[in-house]
Amino acid sequence: MELLQPATWDEALEAKAEHPEAMPLWGGTDVMVDLNFGRARPEAILDLTRVDELTQHGRDNGLLRVGAGVTYTRAIAELGDVLPGLAIASRTVGSPQIRNRGTIGGNLGSSSPAGDALPPLYASDAAVELASARGTRTVPVEDFITGPKRNTLAPDELIAAFRIAPARGAQQFSKIGTRNAMVIAVCSFALALDEEERTVGTCLGSAAPTPRRARAAEEFIEAALDWDARTPSAWRR
């Protein structure tokens, strides 16, 4: 097994173009499990932990651009005020050690329907930024994940970041599992209210082959909610 360790983003994209079979690695919270149990035997590992560009986040044209290498711990500490739903979900991920190593980009790359970070991204209409030596494209997260551990990444592409609107209302996340902590979700739910647009975003995790928006529920809540008083009004349906 060959180990590739690029120092810059350009070098990482070049390495992926030359070794499309290489498996990207950052926190390794999923990759190492697969390796240890013999479920994956890649010809090469692409270690991205030296690529500083992936650890950055900031505002870009009114949206937040969050690098794929931002960990759950940093999402809690640095993005909790602008992405509270994602921060709440990040707190439910594994142990402190896992949160210190695991990344939101890794959750996207694994594309598991049980990924804790995914429902908040769906509920807020996030998009995934994919890059290769050929260029960059942005794909809505709903279109990016196509099935259990399947996505639209081309062999020469890497996840660069995700783009998402800052919260413009209350957000929440909850999950249930076989125990109270350090557990894979049996089912999870994310909610995002946009008080400016008066829209509701939802997503169910671990309930279908991919995370799923509850579109009918969103429409129902939008019509039933008294946005000015911030209380439910008389049910109209």
C-alpha atoms as a PDB file:
ATOM      1  CA  MET A   1       0.000   0.000   0.000  1.00  0.00           C
ATOM      2  CA  GLU A   2       1.448   3.359  -1.064  1.00  0.00           C
ATOM      3  CA  LEU A   3       1.158   6.407   1.198  1.00  0.00           C
ATOM      4  CA  LEU A   4       0.817   9.799  -0.494  1.00  0.00           C
ATOM      5  CA  GLN A   5       1.295  12.922   1.646  1.00  0.00           C
ATOM      6  CA  PRO A   6       0.750  16.146  -0.317  1.00  0.00           C
ATOM      7  CA  ALA A   7       1.583  19.410   1.445  1.00  0.00           C
ATOM      8  CA  THR A   8      -0.743  21.673  -0.555  1.00  0.00           C
ATOM      9  CA  TRP A   9      -4.167  21.481  -2.166  1.00  0.00           C
ATOM     10  CA  ASP A  10      -2.701  21.628  -5.662  1.00  0.00           C
ATOM     11  CA  GLU A  11      -0.393  18.742  -4.817  1.00  0.00           C
ATOM     12  CA  ALA A  12      -3.351  16.783  -3.427  1.00  0.00           C
ATOM     13  CA  LEU A  13      -5.337  17.250  -6.638  1.00  0.00           C
ATOM     14  CA  GLU A  14      -2.326  16.244  -8.733  1.00  0.00           C
ATOM     15  CA  ALA A  15      -1.824  13.143  -6.598  1.00  0.00           C
ATOM     16  CA  LYS A  16      -5.467  12.167  -6.927  1.00  0.00           C
ATOM     17  CA  ALA A  17      -5.296  12.629 -10.711  1.00  0.00           C
ATOM     18  CA  GLU A  18      -2.239  10.382 -10.888  1.00  0.00           C
ATOM     19  CA  HIS A  19      -3.661   7.849  -8.398  1.00  0.00           C
ATOM     20  CA  PRO A  20      -7.454   7.849  -8.795  1.00  0.00           C
ATOM     21  CA  GLU A  21      -7.634   4.639  -6.771  1.00  0.00           C
ATOM     22  CA  ALA A  22      -6.112   6.374  -3.702  1.00  0.00           C
ATOM     23  CA  MET A  23      -8.383   6.554  -0.656  1.00  0.00           C
ATOM     24  CA  PRO A  24      -8.484  10.016   0.986  1.00  0.00           C
ATOM     25  CA  LEU A  25      -7.661  10.081   4.691  1.00  0.00           C
ATOM     26  CA  TRP A  26      -8.009  12.783   7.334  1.00  0.00           C
ATOM     27  CA  GLY A  27      -9.409  11.704  10.694  1.00  0.00           C
ATOM     28  CA  GLY A  28      -9.604   8.060   9.668  1.00  0.00           C
ATOM     29  CA  THR A  29     -12.592   7.377  11.928  1.00  0.00           C
ATOM     30  CA  ASP A  30     -14.300   5.407   9.139  1.00  0.00           C
ATOM     31  CA  VAL A  31     -11.328   4.537   6.926  1.00  0.00           C
ATOM     32  CA  MET A  32      -9.308   2.863   9.661  1.00  0.00           C
ATOM     33  CA  VAL A  33     -12.283   0.763  10.756  1.00  0.00           C
ATOM     34  CA  ASP A  34     -12.695  -0.514   7.199  1.00  0.00           C
ATOM     35  CA  LEU A  35      -8.968  -1.248   6.954  1.00  0.00           C
ATOM     36  CA  ASN A  36      -8.848  -3.014  10.311  1.00  0.00           C
ATOM     37  CA  PHE A  37     -11.782  -5.267   9.430  1.00  0.00           C
ATOM     38  CA  GLY A  38     -10.507  -5.969   5.934  1.00  0.00           C
ATOM     39  CA  ARG A  39     -13.460  -4.284   4.243  1.00  0.00           C
ATOM     40  CA  ALA A  40     -11.125  -2.032   2.238  1.00  0.00           C
ATOM     41  CA  ARG A  41      -7.678  -2.655   0.772  1.00  0.00           C
ATOM     42  CA  PRO A  42      -6.823   0.396  -1.333  1.00  0.00           C
ATOM     43  CA  GLU A  43      -3.700   0.443  -3.445  1.00  0.00           C
ATOM     44  CA  ALA A  44      -2.820   3.855  -2.005  1.00  0.00           C
ATOM     45  CA  ILE A  45      -3.781   6.165   0.872  1.00  0.00           C
ATOM     46  CA  LEU A  46      -3.958   9.907   0.223  1.00  0.00           C
ATOM     47  CA  ASP A  47      -3.145  11.577   3.552  1.00  0.00           C
ATOM     48  CA  LEU A  48      -4.669  15.085   3.477  1.00  0.00           C
ATOM     49  CA  THR A  49      -3.795  16.147   7.021  1.00  0.00           C
ATOM     50  CA  ARG A  50      -0.962  18.424   5.833  1.00  0.00           C
ATOM     51  CA  VAL A  51      -3.234  20.416   3.491  1.00  0.00           C
ATOM     52  CA  ASP A  52      -3.951  23.591   5.430  1.00  0.00           C
ATOM     53  CA  GLU A  53      -6.482  24.858   2.872  1.00  0.00           C
ATOM     54  CA  LEU A  54      -8.921  22.156   3.966  1.00  0.00           C
ATOM     55  CA  THR A  55      -8.969  23.419   7.555  1.00  0.00           C
ATOM     56  CA  GLN A  56     -10.253  26.902   6.716  1.00  0.00           C
ATOM     57  CA  HIS A  57     -13.782  28.313   6.928  1.00  0.00           C
ATOM     58  CA  GLY A  58     -15.219  31.740   6.195  1.00  0.00           C
ATOM     59  CA  ARG A  59     -17.898  33.708   4.391  1.00  0.00           C
ATOM     60  CA  ASP A  60     -18.119  33.773   0.621  1.00  0.00           C
ATOM     61  CA  ASN A  61     -20.881  35.673  -1.229  1.00  0.00           C
ATOM     62  CA  GLY A  62     -23.242  35.482   1.720  1.00  0.00           C
ATOM     63  CA  LEU A  63     -22.655  31.780   2.353  1.00  0.00           C
ATOM     64  CA  LEU A  64     -20.354  29.961   4.731  1.00  0.00           C
ATOM     65  CA  ARG A  65     -17.642  27.928   3.044  1.00  0.00           C
ATOM     66  CA  VAL A  66     -16.399  25.243   5.417  1.00  0.00           C
ATOM     67  CA  GLY A  67     -13.334  23.238   4.435  1.00  0.00           C
ATOM     68  CA  ALA A  68     -13.597  19.461   4.354  1.00  0.00           C
ATOM     69  CA  GLY A  69     -10.920  19.175   7.041  1.00  0.00           C
ATOM     70  CA  VAL A  70     -12.856  21.101   9.724  1.00  0.00           C
ATOM     71  CA  THR A  71     -13.373  18.705  12.634  1.00  0.00           C
ATOM     72  CA  TYR A  72     -16.487  18.187  14.721  1.00  0.00           C
ATOM     73  CA  THR A  73     -14.752  19.805  17.683  1.00  0.00           C
ATOM     74  CA  ARG A  74     -14.038  22.931  15.669  1.00  0.00           C
ATOM     75  CA  ALA A  75     -17.578  22.995  14.299  1.00  0.00           C
ATOM     76  CA  ILE A  76     -18.839  23.079  17.881  1.00  0.00           C
ATOM     77  CA  ALA A  77     -16.392  25.739  19.061  1.00  0.00           C
ATOM     78  CA  GLU A  78     -16.153  27.963  15.989  1.00  0.00           C
ATOM     79  CA  LEU A  79     -19.427  27.545  14.087  1.00  0.00           C
ATOM     80  CA  GLY A  80     -21.960  27.049  16.856  1.00  0.00           C
ATOM     81  CA  ASP A  81     -23.289  30.601  16.595  1.00  0.00           C
ATOM     82  CA  VAL A  82     -23.838  30.512  12.813  1.00  0.00           C
ATOM     83  CA  LEU A  83     -24.605  26.798  12.313  1.00  0.00           C
ATOM     84  CA  PRO A  84     -26.199  25.717  15.605  1.00  0.00           C
ATOM     85  CA  GLY A  85     -27.862  22.628  14.122  1.00  0.00           C
ATOM     86  CA  LEU A  86     -24.551  21.305  12.838  1.00  0.00           C
ATOM     87  CA  ALA A  87     -22.894  22.086  16.178  1.00  0.00           C
ATOM     88  CA  ILE A  88     -25.596  20.178  18.073  1.00  0.00           C
ATOM     89  CA  ALA A  89     -25.192  17.216  15.729  1.00  0.00           C
ATOM     90  CA  SER A  90     -21.405  17.350  16.103  1.00  0.00           C
ATOM     91  CA  ARG A  91     -21.747  17.037  19.877  1.00  0.00           C
ATOM     92  CA  THR A  92     -23.468  13.660  19.416  1.00  0.00           C
ATOM     93  CA  VAL A  93     -20.587  12.171  17.402  1.00  0.00           C
ATOM     94  CA  GLY A  94     -18.642   9.499  19.253  1.00  0.00           C
ATOM     95  CA  SER A  95     -16.175  10.378  21.981  1.00  0.00           C
ATOM     96  CA  PRO A  96     -14.084  13.558  22.396  1.00  0.00           C
ATOM     97  CA  GLN A  97     -11.219  11.759  20.662  1.00  0.00           C
ATOM     98  CA  ILE A  98     -13.418  10.972  17.644  1.00  0.00           C
ATOM     99  CA  ARG A  99     -14.729  14.551  17.516  1.00  0.00           C
ATOM    100  CA  ASN A 100     -11.155  15.849  17.615  1.00  0.00           C
ATOM    101  CA  ARG A 101     -10.169  13.726  14.603  1.00  0.00           C
ATOM    102  CA  GLY A 102     -13.337  13.235  12.570  1.00  0.00           C
ATOM    103  CA  THR A 103     -14.335  15.819   9.972  1.00  0.00           C
ATOM    104  CA  ILE A 104     -17.543  16.992   8.310  1.00  0.00           C
ATOM    105  CA  GLY A 105     -15.913  16.294   4.949  1.00  0.00           C
ATOM    106  CA  GLY A 106     -15.251  12.743   6.042  1.00  0.00           C
ATOM    107  CA  ASN A 107     -18.921  12.312   6.914  1.00  0.00           C
ATOM    108  CA  LEU A 108     -19.826  13.502   3.430  1.00  0.00           C
ATOM    109  CA  GLY A 109     -17.267  11.227   1.818  1.00  0.00           C
ATOM    110  CA  SER A 110     -18.480   8.178   3.750  1.00  0.00           C
ATOM    111  CA  SER A 111     -22.036   8.992   2.604  1.00  0.00           C
ATOM    112  CA  SER A 112     -23.638   6.814   5.260  1.00  0.00           C
ATOM    113  CA  PRO A 113     -27.363   7.463   5.814  1.00  0.00           C
ATOM    114  CA  ALA A 114     -26.534   7.398   9.546  1.00  0.00           C
ATOM    115  CA  GLY A 115     -23.945  10.200   9.310  1.00  0.00           C
ATOM    116  CA  ASP A 116     -24.746  12.644  12.111  1.00  0.00           C
ATOM    117  CA  ALA A 117     -23.528  15.743  10.266  1.00  0.00           C
ATOM    118  CA  LEU A 118     -25.627  15.088   7.172  1.00  0.00           C
ATOM    119  CA  PRO A 119     -29.208  15.920   8.295  1.00  0.00           C
ATOM    120  CA  PRO A 120     -28.291  19.506   9.299  1.00  0.00           C
ATOM    121  CA  LEU A 121     -26.627  19.990   5.905  1.00  0.00           C
ATOM    122  CA  TYR A 122     -29.734  18.705   4.115  1.00  0.00           C
ATOM    123  CA  ALA A 123     -32.088  20.817   6.232  1.00  0.00           C
ATOM    124  CA  SER A 124     -30.171  23.970   5.289  1.00  0.00           C
ATOM    125  CA  ASP A 125     -29.757  23.182   1.571  1.00  0.00           C
ATOM    126  CA  ALA A 126     -25.988  22.827   1.722  1.00  0.00           C
ATOM    127  CA  ALA A 127     -23.925  22.167  -1.387  1.00  0.00           C
ATOM    128  CA  VAL A 128     -20.724  20.165  -1.703  1.00  0.00           C
ATOM    129  CA  GLU A 129     -17.702  21.640  -3.470  1.00  0.00           C
ATOM    130  CA  LEU A 130     -15.832  19.000  -5.461  1.00  0.00           C
ATOM    131  CA  ALA A 131     -12.427  19.649  -6.996  1.00  0.00           C
ATOM    132  CA  SER A 132      -9.996  17.928  -9.321  1.00  0.00           C
ATOM    133  CA  ALA A 133      -7.081  18.941 -11.524  1.00  0.00           C
ATOM    134  CA  ARG A 134      -9.746  19.550 -14.182  1.00  0.00           C
ATOM    135  CA  GLY A 135     -11.591  22.190 -12.145  1.00  0.00           C
ATOM    136  CA  THR A 136     -14.226  22.680  -9.449  1.00  0.00           C
ATOM    137  CA  ARG A 137     -17.955  21.989  -9.372  1.00  0.00           C
ATOM    138  CA  THR A 138     -20.642  22.436  -6.725  1.00  0.00           C
ATOM    139  CA  VAL A 139     -23.357  19.825  -6.164  1.00  0.00           C
ATOM    140  CA  PRO A 140     -26.409  20.097  -3.840  1.00  0.00           C
ATOM    141  CA  VAL A 141     -25.942  17.672  -0.980  1.00  0.00           C
ATOM    142  CA  GLU A 142     -29.194  15.909  -1.899  1.00  0.00           C
ATOM    143  CA  ASP A 143     -27.737  15.130  -5.322  1.00  0.00           C
ATOM    144  CA  PHE A 144     -24.263  14.335  -4.027  1.00  0.00           C
ATOM    145  CA  ILE A 145     -25.235  11.318  -1.912  1.00  0.00           C
ATOM    146  CA  THR A 146     -26.891   8.698  -4.101  1.00  0.00           C
ATOM    147  CA  GLY A 147     -27.147   5.662  -1.799  1.00  0.00           C
ATOM    148  CA  PRO A 148     -25.597   3.961   1.229  1.00  0.00           C
ATOM    149  CA  LYS A 149     -21.906   4.908   1.052  1.00  0.00           C
ATOM    150  CA  ARG A 150     -22.329   6.028  -2.565  1.00  0.00           C
ATOM    151  CA  ASN A 151     -21.930   9.504  -4.013  1.00  0.00           C
ATOM    152  CA  THR A 152     -21.178  11.370  -7.220  1.00  0.00           C
ATOM    153  CA  LEU A 153     -17.439  11.866  -6.651  1.00  0.00           C
ATOM    154  CA  ALA A 154     -15.476  11.179  -9.825  1.00  0.00           C
ATOM    155  CA  PRO A 155     -12.368   8.996  -9.399  1.00  0.00           C
ATOM    156  CA  ASP A 156     -10.072  12.033  -9.678  1.00  0.00           C
ATOM    157  CA  GLU A 157     -12.114  14.335  -7.412  1.00  0.00           C
ATOM    158  CA  LEU A 158     -11.772  15.296  -3.758  1.00  0.00           C
ATOM    159  CA  ILE A 159     -14.235  17.041  -1.448  1.00  0.00           C
ATOM    160  CA  ALA A 160     -12.910  20.562  -0.940  1.00  0.00           C
ATOM    161  CA  ALA A 161     -15.626  22.091   1.234  1.00  0.00           C
ATOM    162  CA  PHE A 162     -19.329  22.515   1.717  1.00  0.00           C
ATOM    163  CA  ARG A 163     -21.287  25.735   1.287  1.00  0.00           C
ATOM    164  CA  ILE A 164     -24.242  26.585   3.498  1.00  0.00           C
ATOM    165  CA  ALA A 165     -26.305  29.612   4.515  1.00  0.00           C
ATOM    166  CA  PRO A 166     -25.790  30.905   8.064  1.00  0.00           C
ATOM    167  CA  ALA A 167     -28.719  30.180  10.353  1.00  0.00           C
ATOM    168  CA  ARG A 168     -31.555  32.677  10.065  1.00  0.00           C
ATOM    169  CA  GLY A 169     -33.687  31.121  12.748  1.00  0.00           C
ATOM    170  CA  ALA A 170     -33.821  28.295  15.249  1.00  0.00           C
ATOM    171  CA  GLN A 171     -32.116  25.003  14.440  1.00  0.00           C
ATOM    172  CA  GLN A 172     -32.209  21.669  16.219  1.00  0.00           C
ATOM    173  CA  PHE A 173     -30.928  18.113  15.902  1.00  0.00           C
ATOM    174  CA  SER A 174     -31.805  14.939  17.751  1.00  0.00           C
ATOM    175  CA  LYS A 175     -31.082  11.248  17.360  1.00  0.00           C
ATOM    176  CA  ILE A 176     -31.970   7.973  18.995  1.00  0.00           C
ATOM    177  CA  GLY A 177     -29.808   4.887  19.262  1.00  0.00           C
ATOM    178  CA  THR A 178     -29.374   1.668  21.181  1.00  0.00           C
ATOM    179  CA  ARG A 179     -27.795   3.603  24.056  1.00  0.00           C
ATOM    180  CA  ASN A 180     -27.527   7.229  25.195  1.00  0.00           C
ATOM    181  CA  ALA A 181     -24.037   8.123  23.966  1.00  0.00           C
ATOM    182  CA  MET A 182     -21.320   7.125  21.493  1.00  0.00           C
ATOM    183  CA  VAL A 183     -23.853   5.379  19.294  1.00  0.00           C
ATOM    184  CA  ILE A 184     -24.737   5.114  15.601  1.00  0.00           C
ATOM    185  CA  ALA A 185     -28.148   6.647  14.999  1.00  0.00           C
ATOM    186  CA  VAL A 186     -31.115   4.340  14.622  1.00  0.00           C
ATOM    187  CA  CYS A 187     -32.916   7.472  13.462  1.00  0.00           C
ATOM    188  CA  SER A 188     -32.052  11.166  13.539  1.00  0.00           C
ATOM    189  CA  PHE A 189     -33.817  14.408  12.715  1.00  0.00           C
ATOM    190  CA  ALA A 190     -32.668  17.922  11.874  1.00  0.00           C
ATOM    191  CA  LEU A 191     -34.781  21.072  11.765  1.00  0.00           C
ATOM    192  CA  ALA A 192     -33.876  24.525  10.433  1.00  0.00           C
ATOM    193  CA  LEU A 193     -36.232  27.511  10.496  1.00  0.00           C
ATOM    194  CA  ASP A 194     -35.552  30.436   8.156  1.00  0.00           C
ATOM    195  CA  GLU A 195     -37.392  33.382   9.679  1.00  0.00           C
ATOM    196  CA  GLU A 196     -36.456  35.723   6.829  1.00  0.00           C
ATOM    197  CA  GLU A 197     -37.777  33.504   4.038  1.00  0.00           C
ATOM    198  CA  ARG A 198     -40.385  31.898   6.327  1.00  0.00           C
ATOM    199  CA  THR A 199     -39.400  28.422   5.265  1.00  0.00           C
ATOM    200  CA  VAL A 200     -38.775  25.215   7.173  1.00  0.00           C
ATOM    201  CA  GLY A 201     -36.012  22.713   6.432  1.00  0.00           C
ATOM    202  CA  THR A 202     -36.053  19.165   7.767  1.00  0.00           C
ATOM    203  CA  CYS A 203     -34.145  15.942   7.280  1.00  0.00           C
ATOM    204  CA  LEU A 204     -34.445  12.393   8.570  1.00  0.00           C
ATOM    205  CA  GLY A 205     -31.253  10.406   8.927  1.00  0.00           C
ATOM    206  CA  SER A 206     -30.770   6.634   9.126  1.00  0.00           C
ATOM    207  CA  ALA A 207     -34.361   6.069   7.954  1.00  0.00           C
ATOM    208  CA  ALA A 208     -33.746   5.411   4.236  1.00  0.00           C
ATOM    209  CA  PRO A 209     -30.837   4.612   1.887  1.00  0.00           C
ATOM    210  CA  THR A 210     -29.948   8.315   1.996  1.00  0.00           C
ATOM    211  CA  PRO A 211     -30.891  11.154   4.354  1.00  0.00           C
ATOM    212  CA  ARG A 212     -34.370  12.353   3.355  1.00  0.00           C
ATOM    213  CA  ARG A 213     -36.136  15.697   3.487  1.00  0.00           C
ATOM    214  CA  ALA A 214     -39.673  15.586   4.903  1.00  0.00           C
ATOM    215  CA  ARG A 215     -41.155  17.888   2.268  1.00  0.00           C
ATOM    216  CA  ALA A 216     -44.817  17.452   3.203  1.00  0.00           C
ATOM    217  CA  ALA A 217     -44.020  18.151   6.858  1.00  0.00           C
ATOM    218  CA  GLU A 218     -42.078  21.270   5.874  1.00  0.00           C
ATOM    219  CA  GLU A 219     -45.039  22.646   3.933  1.00  0.00           C
ATOM    220  CA  PHE A 220     -47.415  21.808   6.781  1.00  0.00           C
ATOM    221  CA  ILE A 221     -45.296  23.574   9.398  1.00  0.00           C
ATOM    222  CA  GLU A 222     -44.715  26.616   7.180  1.00  0.00           C
ATOM    223  CA  ALA A 223     -48.474  27.074   6.831  1.00  0.00           C
ATOM    224  CA  ALA A 224     -49.264  26.353  10.482  1.00  0.00           C
ATOM    225  CA  LEU A 225     -46.582  28.509  12.086  1.00  0.00           C
ATOM    226  CA  ASP A 226     -47.336  32.073  13.124  1.00  0.00           C
ATOM    227  CA  TRP A 227     -44.008  33.540  12.052  1.00  0.00           C
ATOM    228  CA  ASP A 228     -44.663  36.979  13.541  1.00  0.00           C
ATOM    229  CA  ALA A 229     -45.615  35.687  16.976  1.00  0.00           C
ATOM    230  CA  ARG A 230     -43.189  32.740  16.742  1.00  0.00           C
ATOM    231  CA  THR A 231     -45.947  30.418  17.961  1.00  0.00           C
ATOM    232  CA  PRO A 232     -48.100  27.811  16.224  1.00  0.00           C
ATOM    233  CA  SER A 233     -51.279  29.345  14.890  1.00  0.00           C
ATOM    234  CA  ALA A 234     -54.594  27.568  14.462  1.00  0.00           C
ATOM    235  CA  TRP A 235     -54.087  24.530  12.273  1.00  0.00           C
ATOM    236  CA  ARG A 236     -55.232  25.297   8.762  1.00  0.00           C
ATOM    237  CA  ARG A 237     -55.173  21.783   7.330  1.00  0.00           C
END
